[in-house]
């Protein structure tokens, strides 16, 4: 049996909200729209970019959604290349959790609304590039909660849905896990609260990183 633990990135592995909020505020300013409250921006973290913008400005048309999404990408890239990015720290204890799971024989993966480039950058920055056997991003899949990226991770790792745990901080992650037939494990340190996670389908919610080692014993 192959056991697979697939992690969301933003809000689960790393706390990236500051840069996401700043890039989204810049994109809205370019569109001459009032920026959404940061609490609303945090709630769409995890969706693919166009879907996230659509959730923030549902009254706009598809062309506007795509234009704002493109401006967001440009703003985020400018933050990175100019050296103005805020630190995107790993949540405390995450490295120990990943290392312990690997030592126990788990295979690890990532399923995220980030781009390939964004995910590669954050994993390299934290020295985690070699921890994961499968990396699935919004570049190649429909937005969460569609199960496509999780099913691709399961197939690439050679696992079965019943032997896979999806670990994430949003209701989108939980609904994706449920749709894929995987175990839905929520984390309480991210961008959706526990009630959202449970409504999304979480079977269990970890209150701290170390609790994941108990849940995935």
Foldseek 3Di string as FASTA:
>chain_A
DAFEEAEEPDFTFWPQLVLQQVLLCQLCVVVVHHRDPSLLLQQLFFWAQLVSLCVVCVVDDSVSSVSSSVSSVVSSVCCVVVVNGDDTDTAPPPVVLLVVCVVVRHAYEYEGSDDPVVVVVVCVVVVNPPSHQYYHYNVPDHTFPQLVRVVVSCVSSVHAQDSYEYEYAALRSQLNSVVRNHAYEYEQRGSDHPVRNVVSHHPYYHDGSVVVVVVND
